């Protein structure tokens, strides 16, 4: 039981953990380009209101 249950969590953990990290890196890079290309309006309306 222990051996069978170990493989599933192991494969599930690395994948989800890697996915978020990769998505975050791309997300951070994309907003930077959009931020420079366009005002904060499209990036985050909340920031625009504060400014």
PDB file of N, CA and C in Angstrom:
ATOM      1  N   UNK A   1       0.853  -1.212   0.000  1.00  0.00           N
ATOM      2  CA  UNK A   1       0.000   0.000   0.000  1.00  0.00           C
ATOM      3  C   UNK A   1       0.881   1.251   0.000  1.00  0.00           C
ATOM      4  N   UNK A   2       1.840   1.249   0.911  1.00  0.00           N
ATOM      5  CA  UNK A   2       2.722   2.430   1.030  1.00  0.00           C
ATOM      6  C   UNK A   2       3.435   2.693  -0.286  1.00  0.00           C
ATOM      7  N   UNK A   3       3.935   1.628  -0.911  1.00  0.00           N
ATOM      8  CA  UNK A   3       4.680   1.835  -2.172  1.00  0.00           C
ATOM      9  C   UNK A   3       3.735   2.360  -3.268  1.00  0.00           C
ATOM     10  N   UNK A   4       2.540   1.796  -3.331  1.00  0.00           N
ATOM     11  CA  UNK A   4       1.594   2.212  -4.374  1.00  0.00           C
ATOM     12  C   UNK A   4       1.133   3.652  -4.153  1.00  0.00           C
ATOM     13  N   UNK A   5       0.984   4.029  -2.914  1.00  0.00           N
ATOM     14  CA  UNK A   5       0.504   5.398  -2.633  1.00  0.00           C
ATOM     15  C   UNK A   5       1.642   6.411  -2.815  1.00  0.00           C
ATOM     16  N   UNK A   6       2.859   5.977  -2.669  1.00  0.00           N
ATOM     17  CA  UNK A   6       3.992   6.914  -2.782  1.00  0.00           C
ATOM     18  C   UNK A   6       4.125   7.484  -4.199  1.00  0.00           C
ATOM     19  N   UNK A   7       4.111   6.645  -5.214  1.00  0.00           N
ATOM     20  CA  UNK A   7       4.299   7.118  -6.606  1.00  0.00           C
ATOM     21  C   UNK A   7       3.299   8.198  -7.014  1.00  0.00           C
ATOM     22  N   UNK A   8       2.006   8.018  -6.759  1.00  0.00           N
ATOM     23  CA  UNK A   8       1.014   9.040  -7.172  1.00  0.00           C
ATOM     24  C   UNK A   8       1.338  10.418  -6.599  1.00  0.00           C
ATOM     25  N   UNK A   9       1.474  10.544  -5.287  1.00  0.00           N
ATOM     26  CA  UNK A   9       1.761  11.868  -4.683  1.00  0.00           C
ATOM     27  C   UNK A   9       3.064  12.427  -5.231  1.00  0.00           C
ATOM     28  N   UNK A  10       4.050  11.570  -5.399  1.00  0.00           N
ATOM     29  CA  UNK A  10       5.366  12.055  -5.866  1.00  0.00           C
ATOM     30  C   UNK A  10       5.226  12.715  -7.243  1.00  0.00           C
ATOM     31  N   UNK A  11       4.480  12.044  -8.128  1.00  0.00           N
ATOM     32  CA  UNK A  11       4.331  12.593  -9.492  1.00  0.00           C
ATOM     33  C   UNK A  11       3.415  13.824  -9.466  1.00  0.00           C
ATOM     34  N   UNK A  12       2.459  13.833  -8.562  1.00  0.00           N
ATOM     35  CA  UNK A  12       1.520  14.961  -8.504  1.00  0.00           C
ATOM     36  C   UNK A  12       2.186  16.188  -7.898  1.00  0.00           C
ATOM     37  N   UNK A  13       3.019  15.990  -6.901  1.00  0.00           N
ATOM     38  CA  UNK A  13       3.642  17.148  -6.233  1.00  0.00           C
ATOM     39  C   UNK A  13       4.581  17.910  -7.172  1.00  0.00           C
ATOM     40  N   UNK A  14       5.552  17.227  -7.756  1.00  0.00           N
ATOM     41  CA  UNK A  14       6.534  17.909  -8.627  1.00  0.00           C
ATOM     42  C   UNK A  14       5.851  18.634  -9.785  1.00  0.00           C
ATOM     43  N   UNK A  15       4.849  18.002 -10.379  1.00  0.00           N
ATOM     44  CA  UNK A  15       4.177  18.634 -11.536  1.00  0.00           C
ATOM     45  C   UNK A  15       3.491  19.944 -11.119  1.00  0.00           C
ATOM     46  N   UNK A  16       2.599  19.917 -10.140  1.00  0.00           N
ATOM     47  CA  UNK A  16       1.890  21.131  -9.691  1.00  0.00           C
ATOM     48  C   UNK A  16       2.875  22.197  -9.226  1.00  0.00           C
ATOM     49  N   UNK A  17       3.890  21.782  -8.495  1.00  0.00           N
ATOM     50  CA  UNK A  17       4.860  22.766  -7.979  1.00  0.00           C
ATOM     51  C   UNK A  17       5.619  23.410  -9.139  1.00  0.00           C
ATOM     52  N   UNK A  18       5.960  22.608 -10.137  1.00  0.00           N
ATOM     53  CA  UNK A  18       6.713  23.151 -11.276  1.00  0.00           C
ATOM     54  C   UNK A  18       5.802  24.037 -12.134  1.00  0.00           C
ATOM     55  N   UNK A  19       4.561  23.626 -12.288  1.00  0.00           N
ATOM     56  CA  UNK A  19       3.632  24.400 -13.128  1.00  0.00           C
ATOM     57  C   UNK A  19       3.472  25.832 -12.608  1.00  0.00           C
ATOM     58  N   UNK A  20       3.111  25.986 -11.339  1.00  0.00           N
ATOM     59  CA  UNK A  20       2.926  27.335 -10.762  1.00  0.00           C
ATOM     60  C   UNK A  20       4.184  28.174 -10.927  1.00  0.00           C
ATOM     61  N   UNK A  21       5.333  27.588 -10.685  1.00  0.00           N
ATOM     62  CA  UNK A  21       6.588  28.360 -10.788  1.00  0.00           C
ATOM     63  C   UNK A  21       6.777  28.852 -12.220  1.00  0.00           C
ATOM     64  N   UNK A  22       6.549  27.970 -13.170  1.00  0.00           N
ATOM     65  CA  UNK A  22       6.736  28.368 -14.581  1.00  0.00           C
ATOM     66  C   UNK A  22       5.696  29.420 -14.964  1.00  0.00           C
ATOM     67  N   UNK A  23       4.480  29.235 -14.516  1.00  0.00           N
ATOM     68  CA  UNK A  23       3.413  30.194 -14.855  1.00  0.00           C
ATOM     69  C   UNK A  23       3.729  31.543 -14.220  1.00  0.00           C
ATOM     70  N   UNK A  24       4.226  31.508 -12.987  1.00  0.00           N
ATOM     71  CA  UNK A  24       4.545  32.768 -12.296  1.00  0.00           C
ATOM     72  C   UNK A  24       5.634  33.516 -13.053  1.00  0.00           C
ATOM     73  N   UNK A  25       6.669  32.790 -13.455  1.00  0.00           N
ATOM     74  CA  UNK A  25       7.781  33.447 -14.161  1.00  0.00           C
ATOM     75  C   UNK A  25       7.271  34.089 -15.452  1.00  0.00           C
ATOM     76  N   UNK A  26       6.434  33.369 -16.187  1.00  0.00           N
ATOM     77  CA  UNK A  26       5.913  33.914 -17.451  1.00  0.00           C
ATOM     78  C   UNK A  26       4.966  35.073 -17.148  1.00  0.00           C
ATOM     79  N   UNK A  27       4.187  34.917 -16.098  1.00  0.00           N
ATOM     80  CA  UNK A  27       3.220  35.962 -15.738  1.00  0.00           C
ATOM     81  C   UNK A  27       3.963  37.249 -15.371  1.00  0.00           C
ATOM     82  N   UNK A  28       5.025  37.095 -14.594  1.00  0.00           N
ATOM     83  CA  UNK A  28       5.796  38.276 -14.157  1.00  0.00           C
ATOM     84  C   UNK A  28       6.451  38.936 -15.369  1.00  0.00           C
ATOM     85  N   UNK A  29       6.935  38.124 -16.300  1.00  0.00           N
ATOM     86  CA  UNK A  29       7.613  38.693 -17.468  1.00  0.00           C
ATOM     87  C   UNK A  29       6.595  39.375 -18.389  1.00  0.00           C
ATOM     88  N   UNK A  30       5.444  38.764 -18.564  1.00  0.00           N
ATOM     89  CA  UNK A  30       4.427  39.334 -19.472  1.00  0.00           C
ATOM     90  C   UNK A  30       3.938  40.693 -18.963  1.00  0.00           C
ATOM     91  N   UNK A  31       3.510  40.771 -17.714  1.00  0.00           N
ATOM     92  CA  UNK A  31       3.036  42.048 -17.146  1.00  0.00           C
ATOM     93  C   UNK A  31       4.074  43.146 -17.322  1.00  0.00           C
ATOM     94  N   UNK A  32       5.341  42.815 -17.162  1.00  0.00           N
ATOM     95  CA  UNK A  32       6.394  43.833 -17.305  1.00  0.00           C
ATOM     96  C   UNK A  32       6.336  44.430 -18.715  1.00  0.00           C
ATOM     97  N   UNK A  33       6.188  43.571 -19.708  1.00  0.00           N
ATOM     98  CA  UNK A  33       6.146  44.062 -21.101  1.00  0.00           C
ATOM     99  C   UNK A  33       4.863  44.864 -21.310  1.00  0.00           C
ATOM    100  N   UNK A  34       3.758  44.353 -20.809  1.00  0.00           N
ATOM    101  CA  UNK A  34       2.469  45.051 -20.962  1.00  0.00           C
ATOM    102  C   UNK A  34       2.528  46.379 -20.208  1.00  0.00           C
ATOM    103  N   UNK A  35       3.150  46.352 -19.051  1.00  0.00           N
ATOM    104  CA  UNK A  35       3.238  47.573 -18.237  1.00  0.00           C
ATOM    105  C   UNK A  35       3.958  48.661 -19.036  1.00  0.00           C
ATOM    106  N   UNK A  36       5.056  48.284 -19.679  1.00  0.00           N
ATOM    107  CA  UNK A  36       5.834  49.270 -20.442  1.00  0.00           C
ATOM    108  C   UNK A  36       5.064  49.693 -21.693  1.00  0.00           C
ATOM    109  N   UNK A  37       4.401  48.704 -22.319  1.00  0.00           N
ATOM    110  CA  UNK A  37       3.668  48.989 -23.565  1.00  0.00           C
ATOM    111  C   UNK A  37       2.414  49.815 -23.271  1.00  0.00           C
ATOM    112  N   UNK A  38       1.691  49.416 -22.209  1.00  0.00           N
ATOM    113  CA  UNK A  38       0.425  50.113 -21.900  1.00  0.00           C
ATOM    114  C   UNK A  38       0.441  50.606 -20.457  1.00  0.00           C
ATOM    115  N   UNK A  39      -0.415  51.522 -20.110  1.00  0.00           N
ATOM    116  CA  UNK A  39      -0.500  52.048 -18.734  1.00  0.00           C
ATOM    117  C   UNK A  39      -0.919  50.960 -17.753  1.00  0.00           C
ATOM    118  N   UNK A  40      -1.038  51.341 -16.497  1.00  0.00           N
ATOM    119  CA  UNK A  40      -1.424  50.349 -15.476  1.00  0.00           C
ATOM    120  C   UNK A  40      -2.913  50.021 -15.618  1.00  0.00           C
ATOM    121  N   UNK A  41      -3.619  50.760 -16.472  1.00  0.00           N
ATOM    122  CA  UNK A  41      -5.061  50.507 -16.625  1.00  0.00           C
ATOM    123  C   UNK A  41      -5.306  49.027 -16.902  1.00  0.00           C
ATOM    124  N   UNK A  42      -4.614  48.475 -17.915  1.00  0.00           N
ATOM    125  CA  UNK A  42      -4.849  47.076 -18.286  1.00  0.00           C
ATOM    126  C   UNK A  42      -4.189  46.157 -17.244  1.00  0.00           C
ATOM    127  N   UNK A  43      -3.060  46.547 -16.704  1.00  0.00           N
ATOM    128  CA  UNK A  43      -2.349  45.696 -15.736  1.00  0.00           C
ATOM    129  C   UNK A  43      -3.217  45.530 -14.485  1.00  0.00           C
ATOM    130  N   UNK A  44      -3.534  46.611 -13.811  1.00  0.00           N
ATOM    131  CA  UNK A  44      -4.379  46.524 -12.600  1.00  0.00           C
ATOM    132  C   UNK A  44      -5.101  47.850 -12.415  1.00  0.00           C
ATOM    133  N   UNK A  45      -6.395  47.869 -12.653  1.00  0.00           N
ATOM    134  CA  UNK A  45      -7.207  49.098 -12.530  1.00  0.00           C
ATOM    135  C   UNK A  45      -7.075  49.695 -11.136  1.00  0.00           C
ATOM    136  N   UNK A  46      -6.913  48.852 -10.138  1.00  0.00           N
ATOM    137  CA  UNK A  46      -6.801  49.343  -8.755  1.00  0.00           C
ATOM    138  C   UNK A  46      -5.616  50.308  -8.652  1.00  0.00           C
ATOM    139  N   UNK A  47      -4.495  49.930  -9.232  1.00  0.00           N
ATOM    140  CA  UNK A  47      -3.293  50.788  -9.155  1.00  0.00           C
ATOM    141  C   UNK A  47      -3.593  52.121  -9.841  1.00  0.00           C
ATOM    142  N   UNK A  48      -4.261  52.059 -10.980  1.00  0.00           N
ATOM    143  CA  UNK A  48      -4.537  53.282 -11.735  1.00  0.00           C
ATOM    144  C   UNK A  48      -5.367  54.238 -10.870  1.00  0.00           C
ATOM    145  N   UNK A  49      -6.338  53.718 -10.164  1.00  0.00           N
ATOM    146  CA  UNK A  49      -7.194  54.569  -9.328  1.00  0.00           C
ATOM    147  C   UNK A  49      -6.360  55.215  -8.221  1.00  0.00           C
ATOM    148  N   UNK A  50      -5.484  54.418  -7.625  1.00  0.00           N
ATOM    149  CA  UNK A  50      -4.650  54.939  -6.533  1.00  0.00           C
ATOM    150  C   UNK A  50      -3.768  56.072  -7.046  1.00  0.00           C
ATOM    151  N   UNK A  51      -3.218  55.867  -8.267  1.00  0.00           N
ATOM    152  CA  UNK A  51      -2.325  56.892  -8.826  1.00  0.00           C
ATOM    153  C   UNK A  51      -3.154  58.140  -9.110  1.00  0.00           C
TER     154      UNK A  51
END
